[in-house]
N, C-alpha and C. Protein backbone atom coordinates (compact mmCIF):
# COMPACT_ATOMS: atom_id res chain seq x y z
N MET A 1 8.47 0.86 19.34
CA MET A 1 7.38 1.71 18.93
C MET A 1 6.36 1.74 20.07
N SER A 2 5.88 2.91 20.38
CA SER A 2 4.94 3.05 21.49
C SER A 2 3.53 2.65 21.06
N GLY A 3 2.70 2.40 22.07
CA GLY A 3 1.30 2.08 21.80
C GLY A 3 0.60 3.23 21.11
N ARG A 4 0.96 4.44 21.46
CA ARG A 4 0.35 5.62 20.84
C ARG A 4 0.68 5.67 19.34
N THR A 5 1.92 5.39 19.02
CA THR A 5 2.35 5.40 17.61
C THR A 5 1.60 4.34 16.82
N ARG A 6 1.47 3.14 17.38
CA ARG A 6 0.73 2.08 16.70
C ARG A 6 -0.73 2.48 16.49
N LYS A 7 -1.31 3.12 17.49
CA LYS A 7 -2.70 3.55 17.39
C LYS A 7 -2.87 4.60 16.30
N ILE A 8 -1.94 5.53 16.22
CA ILE A 8 -1.98 6.57 15.19
C ILE A 8 -1.82 5.93 13.81
N GLU A 9 -0.88 4.99 13.68
CA GLU A 9 -0.68 4.31 12.39
C GLU A 9 -1.95 3.58 11.96
N SER A 10 -2.58 2.91 12.88
CA SER A 10 -3.82 2.19 12.58
C SER A 10 -4.93 3.16 12.15
N GLN A 11 -5.04 4.27 12.86
CA GLN A 11 -6.05 5.27 12.52
C GLN A 11 -5.78 5.88 11.14
N LEU A 12 -4.52 6.19 10.87
CA LEU A 12 -4.17 6.75 9.56
C LEU A 12 -4.45 5.76 8.45
N LYS A 13 -4.13 4.48 8.68
CA LYS A 13 -4.38 3.46 7.66
C LYS A 13 -5.86 3.41 7.32
N GLU A 14 -6.71 3.44 8.33
CA GLU A 14 -8.15 3.39 8.10
C GLU A 14 -8.65 4.62 7.35
N ILE A 15 -8.23 5.79 7.77
CA ILE A 15 -8.67 7.04 7.13
C ILE A 15 -8.19 7.11 5.69
N VAL A 16 -6.90 6.84 5.48
CA VAL A 16 -6.33 6.92 4.13
C VAL A 16 -6.99 5.88 3.23
N GLY A 17 -7.21 4.67 3.75
CA GLY A 17 -7.87 3.63 2.96
C GLY A 17 -9.27 4.05 2.52
N GLU A 18 -10.02 4.64 3.43
CA GLU A 18 -11.37 5.11 3.09
C GLU A 18 -11.31 6.23 2.05
N GLU A 19 -10.37 7.13 2.21
CA GLU A 19 -10.25 8.24 1.26
C GLU A 19 -9.83 7.75 -0.12
N VAL A 20 -8.92 6.80 -0.17
CA VAL A 20 -8.48 6.25 -1.46
C VAL A 20 -9.67 5.57 -2.15
N ASP A 21 -10.45 4.81 -1.38
CA ASP A 21 -11.62 4.14 -1.95
C ASP A 21 -12.64 5.13 -2.49
N ALA A 22 -12.73 6.32 -1.86
CA ALA A 22 -13.72 7.32 -2.25
C ALA A 22 -13.28 8.17 -3.44
N LEU A 23 -12.01 8.09 -3.82
CA LEU A 23 -11.52 8.91 -4.93
C LEU A 23 -12.13 8.46 -6.25
N SER A 24 -12.37 9.42 -7.12
CA SER A 24 -12.96 9.09 -8.42
C SER A 24 -11.90 8.97 -9.52
N ASP A 25 -10.65 9.00 -9.15
CA ASP A 25 -9.56 8.90 -10.12
C ASP A 25 -9.56 7.51 -10.75
N PRO A 26 -9.69 7.41 -12.07
CA PRO A 26 -9.74 6.09 -12.71
C PRO A 26 -8.44 5.29 -12.54
N ARG A 27 -7.35 5.94 -12.21
CA ARG A 27 -6.09 5.22 -11.99
C ARG A 27 -6.13 4.42 -10.69
N LEU A 28 -7.10 4.74 -9.82
CA LEU A 28 -7.14 4.12 -8.51
C LEU A 28 -8.36 3.24 -8.26
N ASN A 29 -9.42 3.45 -8.98
CA ASN A 29 -10.69 2.78 -8.69
C ASN A 29 -10.58 1.27 -8.59
N GLY A 30 -10.74 0.78 -7.36
CA GLY A 30 -10.75 -0.65 -7.12
C GLY A 30 -9.42 -1.35 -7.32
N LEU A 31 -8.39 -0.60 -7.61
CA LEU A 31 -7.10 -1.22 -7.92
C LEU A 31 -6.08 -1.09 -6.80
N VAL A 32 -6.30 -0.17 -5.87
CA VAL A 32 -5.29 0.15 -4.86
C VAL A 32 -5.83 -0.19 -3.47
N THR A 33 -4.99 -0.86 -2.67
CA THR A 33 -5.32 -1.17 -1.30
C THR A 33 -4.22 -0.63 -0.40
N VAL A 34 -4.61 0.10 0.63
CA VAL A 34 -3.65 0.59 1.62
C VAL A 34 -3.34 -0.58 2.55
N THR A 35 -2.06 -0.95 2.62
CA THR A 35 -1.66 -2.12 3.39
C THR A 35 -1.02 -1.78 4.74
N GLY A 36 -0.57 -0.55 4.89
CA GLY A 36 0.04 -0.17 6.16
C GLY A 36 0.50 1.27 6.16
N VAL A 37 0.79 1.77 7.35
CA VAL A 37 1.29 3.14 7.51
C VAL A 37 2.38 3.10 8.57
N ARG A 38 3.46 3.80 8.32
CA ARG A 38 4.53 3.97 9.30
C ARG A 38 4.75 5.47 9.50
N VAL A 39 4.69 5.91 10.75
CA VAL A 39 4.91 7.32 11.04
C VAL A 39 6.29 7.51 11.63
N SER A 40 6.86 8.68 11.40
CA SER A 40 8.16 9.01 11.98
C SER A 40 7.98 9.24 13.48
N PRO A 41 9.04 9.12 14.25
CA PRO A 41 8.94 9.31 15.71
C PRO A 41 8.34 10.67 16.11
N ASP A 42 8.59 11.69 15.31
CA ASP A 42 8.04 13.02 15.64
C ASP A 42 6.65 13.25 15.04
N LEU A 43 6.11 12.23 14.36
CA LEU A 43 4.79 12.26 13.73
C LEU A 43 4.67 13.30 12.61
N ALA A 44 5.80 13.77 12.11
CA ALA A 44 5.76 14.77 11.04
C ALA A 44 5.59 14.13 9.66
N GLN A 45 6.02 12.89 9.52
CA GLN A 45 5.97 12.19 8.24
C GLN A 45 5.23 10.86 8.42
N ALA A 46 4.50 10.47 7.40
CA ALA A 46 3.86 9.16 7.40
C ALA A 46 4.04 8.53 6.03
N THR A 47 4.57 7.33 6.02
CA THR A 47 4.71 6.58 4.78
C THR A 47 3.53 5.63 4.69
N VAL A 48 2.78 5.78 3.61
CA VAL A 48 1.60 4.95 3.37
C VAL A 48 2.00 3.87 2.36
N PHE A 49 1.89 2.62 2.77
CA PHE A 49 2.22 1.51 1.89
C PHE A 49 0.94 1.02 1.23
N TYR A 50 1.05 0.72 -0.05
CA TYR A 50 -0.12 0.27 -0.80
C TYR A 50 0.24 -0.86 -1.73
N SER A 51 -0.78 -1.61 -2.11
CA SER A 51 -0.60 -2.65 -3.12
C SER A 51 -1.54 -2.35 -4.27
N VAL A 52 -1.17 -2.86 -5.44
CA VAL A 52 -1.95 -2.63 -6.65
C VAL A 52 -2.41 -3.98 -7.17
N LEU A 53 -3.66 -4.06 -7.58
CA LEU A 53 -4.23 -5.31 -8.04
C LEU A 53 -3.46 -5.89 -9.22
N SER A 54 -3.06 -5.03 -10.14
CA SER A 54 -2.36 -5.48 -11.33
C SER A 54 -1.07 -4.69 -11.48
N GLU A 55 0.05 -5.40 -11.71
CA GLU A 55 1.35 -4.73 -11.81
C GLU A 55 1.39 -3.68 -12.91
N GLU A 56 0.62 -3.87 -13.97
CA GLU A 56 0.65 -2.90 -15.07
C GLU A 56 0.05 -1.56 -14.66
N ASN A 57 -0.66 -1.52 -13.53
CA ASN A 57 -1.26 -0.28 -13.06
C ASN A 57 -0.43 0.42 -11.99
N THR A 58 0.76 -0.09 -11.71
CA THR A 58 1.57 0.44 -10.63
C THR A 58 1.91 1.91 -10.82
N GLU A 59 2.38 2.28 -12.00
CA GLU A 59 2.77 3.68 -12.23
C GLU A 59 1.56 4.60 -12.19
N GLY A 60 0.45 4.20 -12.76
CA GLY A 60 -0.77 5.00 -12.71
C GLY A 60 -1.26 5.19 -11.29
N ALA A 61 -1.16 4.14 -10.48
CA ALA A 61 -1.57 4.22 -9.08
C ALA A 61 -0.69 5.21 -8.33
N ARG A 62 0.62 5.14 -8.57
CA ARG A 62 1.55 6.06 -7.90
C ARG A 62 1.20 7.51 -8.26
N GLU A 63 0.95 7.75 -9.54
CA GLU A 63 0.60 9.10 -9.99
C GLU A 63 -0.72 9.55 -9.37
N GLY A 64 -1.71 8.65 -9.35
CA GLY A 64 -3.01 8.99 -8.78
C GLY A 64 -2.92 9.31 -7.29
N LEU A 65 -2.16 8.52 -6.56
CA LEU A 65 -2.01 8.76 -5.12
C LEU A 65 -1.27 10.06 -4.85
N ASN A 66 -0.20 10.30 -5.60
CA ASN A 66 0.54 11.55 -5.41
C ASN A 66 -0.31 12.75 -5.76
N SER A 67 -1.15 12.61 -6.78
CA SER A 67 -2.05 13.68 -7.18
C SER A 67 -3.08 13.98 -6.10
N ALA A 68 -3.53 12.95 -5.40
CA ALA A 68 -4.57 13.12 -4.38
C ALA A 68 -4.01 13.30 -2.97
N ALA A 69 -2.70 13.36 -2.83
CA ALA A 69 -2.08 13.41 -1.50
C ALA A 69 -2.60 14.58 -0.66
N GLY A 70 -2.75 15.74 -1.27
CA GLY A 70 -3.23 16.91 -0.52
C GLY A 70 -4.63 16.70 0.01
N ARG A 71 -5.50 16.17 -0.82
CA ARG A 71 -6.87 15.92 -0.41
C ARG A 71 -6.92 14.88 0.71
N ILE A 72 -6.13 13.81 0.56
CA ILE A 72 -6.10 12.76 1.57
C ILE A 72 -5.53 13.30 2.88
N GLN A 73 -4.47 14.08 2.78
CA GLN A 73 -3.86 14.66 3.98
C GLN A 73 -4.84 15.59 4.68
N SER A 74 -5.61 16.35 3.93
CA SER A 74 -6.62 17.23 4.50
C SER A 74 -7.67 16.42 5.27
N ALA A 75 -8.09 15.31 4.70
CA ALA A 75 -9.06 14.44 5.38
C ALA A 75 -8.47 13.88 6.67
N VAL A 76 -7.20 13.50 6.63
CA VAL A 76 -6.53 13.01 7.84
C VAL A 76 -6.55 14.10 8.91
N GLY A 77 -6.25 15.33 8.52
CA GLY A 77 -6.25 16.44 9.46
C GLY A 77 -7.61 16.67 10.09
N ARG A 78 -8.67 16.54 9.30
CA ARG A 78 -10.03 16.75 9.83
C ARG A 78 -10.46 15.63 10.77
N GLN A 79 -9.98 14.42 10.51
CA GLN A 79 -10.49 13.27 11.25
C GLN A 79 -9.60 12.81 12.41
N THR A 80 -8.49 13.46 12.61
CA THR A 80 -7.63 13.10 13.73
C THR A 80 -7.52 14.27 14.69
N ARG A 81 -7.01 13.98 15.86
CA ARG A 81 -6.84 15.02 16.88
C ARG A 81 -5.37 15.37 17.08
N LEU A 82 -4.62 15.26 16.00
CA LEU A 82 -3.19 15.56 16.07
C LEU A 82 -2.98 17.07 15.92
N LYS A 83 -1.97 17.59 16.62
CA LYS A 83 -1.66 19.02 16.50
C LYS A 83 -1.25 19.36 15.08
N ARG A 84 -0.42 18.48 14.49
CA ARG A 84 0.01 18.66 13.10
C ARG A 84 -0.30 17.39 12.33
N THR A 85 -0.76 17.57 11.13
CA THR A 85 -1.05 16.41 10.28
C THR A 85 0.25 15.93 9.66
N PRO A 86 0.55 14.64 9.78
CA PRO A 86 1.77 14.13 9.15
C PRO A 86 1.73 14.31 7.64
N ARG A 87 2.87 14.61 7.07
CA ARG A 87 2.98 14.72 5.61
C ARG A 87 3.00 13.30 5.05
N LEU A 88 2.11 13.02 4.11
CA LEU A 88 1.96 11.67 3.58
C LEU A 88 2.87 11.43 2.38
N HIS A 89 3.50 10.27 2.39
CA HIS A 89 4.31 9.79 1.27
C HIS A 89 3.80 8.40 0.93
N PHE A 90 3.61 8.13 -0.34
CA PHE A 90 3.06 6.85 -0.78
C PHE A 90 4.16 6.00 -1.39
N GLU A 91 4.22 4.73 -0.94
CA GLU A 91 5.22 3.78 -1.43
C GLU A 91 4.55 2.44 -1.67
N PRO A 92 4.91 1.76 -2.77
CA PRO A 92 4.40 0.40 -2.96
C PRO A 92 4.88 -0.49 -1.81
N ASP A 93 4.02 -1.36 -1.34
CA ASP A 93 4.36 -2.23 -0.22
C ASP A 93 5.39 -3.26 -0.67
N PRO A 94 6.60 -3.22 -0.12
CA PRO A 94 7.64 -4.17 -0.55
C PRO A 94 7.30 -5.61 -0.19
N VAL A 95 6.51 -5.83 0.84
CA VAL A 95 6.12 -7.19 1.23
C VAL A 95 5.29 -7.81 0.12
N VAL A 96 4.36 -7.05 -0.44
CA VAL A 96 3.51 -7.56 -1.51
C VAL A 96 4.35 -7.91 -2.73
N GLU A 97 5.31 -7.05 -3.06
CA GLU A 97 6.19 -7.33 -4.20
C GLU A 97 6.99 -8.61 -3.96
N ASN A 98 7.50 -8.78 -2.74
CA ASN A 98 8.29 -9.98 -2.43
C ASN A 98 7.44 -11.23 -2.50
N VAL A 99 6.20 -11.16 -2.03
CA VAL A 99 5.31 -12.31 -2.09
C VAL A 99 5.09 -12.71 -3.54
N GLY A 100 4.90 -11.73 -4.41
CA GLY A 100 4.71 -12.01 -5.84
C GLY A 100 5.92 -12.72 -6.43
N ARG A 101 7.11 -12.28 -6.07
CA ARG A 101 8.32 -12.92 -6.58
C ARG A 101 8.45 -14.35 -6.07
N ILE A 102 8.13 -14.54 -4.79
CA ILE A 102 8.21 -15.88 -4.20
C ILE A 102 7.20 -16.81 -4.86
N GLU A 103 5.98 -16.33 -5.06
CA GLU A 103 4.96 -17.15 -5.72
C GLU A 103 5.39 -17.54 -7.14
N ALA A 104 5.98 -16.60 -7.86
CA ALA A 104 6.45 -16.90 -9.22
C ALA A 104 7.56 -17.95 -9.18
N ALA A 105 8.47 -17.83 -8.23
CA ALA A 105 9.56 -18.80 -8.12
C ALA A 105 9.02 -20.18 -7.77
N LEU A 106 8.05 -20.24 -6.85
CA LEU A 106 7.46 -21.52 -6.49
C LEU A 106 6.73 -22.15 -7.67
N GLN A 107 6.06 -21.31 -8.44
CA GLN A 107 5.36 -21.83 -9.63
C GLN A 107 6.36 -22.41 -10.63
N ASP A 108 7.49 -21.73 -10.81
CA ASP A 108 8.53 -22.25 -11.71
C ASP A 108 9.04 -23.61 -11.22
N ILE A 109 9.24 -23.73 -9.92
CA ILE A 109 9.72 -24.98 -9.35
C ILE A 109 8.69 -26.09 -9.57
N ARG A 110 7.41 -25.77 -9.33
CA ARG A 110 6.35 -26.76 -9.55
C ARG A 110 6.32 -27.23 -11.00
N GLU A 111 6.42 -26.28 -11.93
CA GLU A 111 6.38 -26.62 -13.35
C GLU A 111 7.58 -27.47 -13.74
N GLU A 112 8.78 -27.16 -13.19
CA GLU A 112 9.96 -27.96 -13.47
C GLU A 112 9.78 -29.38 -12.93
N GLY A 113 9.20 -29.48 -11.73
CA GLY A 113 8.97 -30.79 -11.13
C GLY A 113 7.98 -31.61 -11.94
N GLU A 114 6.94 -30.96 -12.44
CA GLU A 114 5.94 -31.67 -13.25
C GLU A 114 6.56 -32.15 -14.56
N SER A 115 7.39 -31.31 -15.18
CA SER A 115 7.99 -31.72 -16.45
C SER A 115 9.00 -32.85 -16.23
N GLU A 116 9.71 -32.85 -15.11
CA GLU A 116 10.63 -33.95 -14.80
C GLU A 116 9.86 -35.24 -14.55
N ASP A 117 8.71 -35.13 -13.85
CA ASP A 117 7.88 -36.30 -13.61
C ASP A 117 7.39 -36.91 -14.92
N GLN A 118 7.02 -36.08 -15.87
CA GLN A 118 6.54 -36.56 -17.16
C GLN A 118 7.66 -37.20 -17.95
N ASN A 119 8.87 -36.68 -17.82
CA ASN A 119 10.01 -37.25 -18.54
C ASN A 119 10.41 -38.61 -17.98
N HIS A 120 10.14 -38.86 -16.71
CA HIS A 120 10.50 -40.14 -16.09
C HIS A 120 9.44 -41.20 -16.27
N GLN A 121 8.32 -40.87 -16.84
CA GLN A 121 7.25 -41.86 -17.01
C GLN A 121 7.36 -42.59 -18.31
């Protein structure tokens, strides 16, 4: 990945994050964080990765982001110097989901260890 691509991804992450924070959609207020952006080599597409504060709000967040995609994309177009604005696609950040699974597994292991310790006393 080139330095230019990384710079564009960083700029898009900042712009999209600010726009998401400014939205008045109750499905998004304070619940969604933009965690990263990956652009295609031709800069025509950008995948915006996000995390949700509570798993029960995941579907609402997806709907809210997809609903606001045009507005967010328009803001990106105004604030960047790109010839064409990348088309935005929103995806839950898989890293955040994996961390949650790992934390749950570690908690299960801790609880099993504590119960075994109590049984041996």
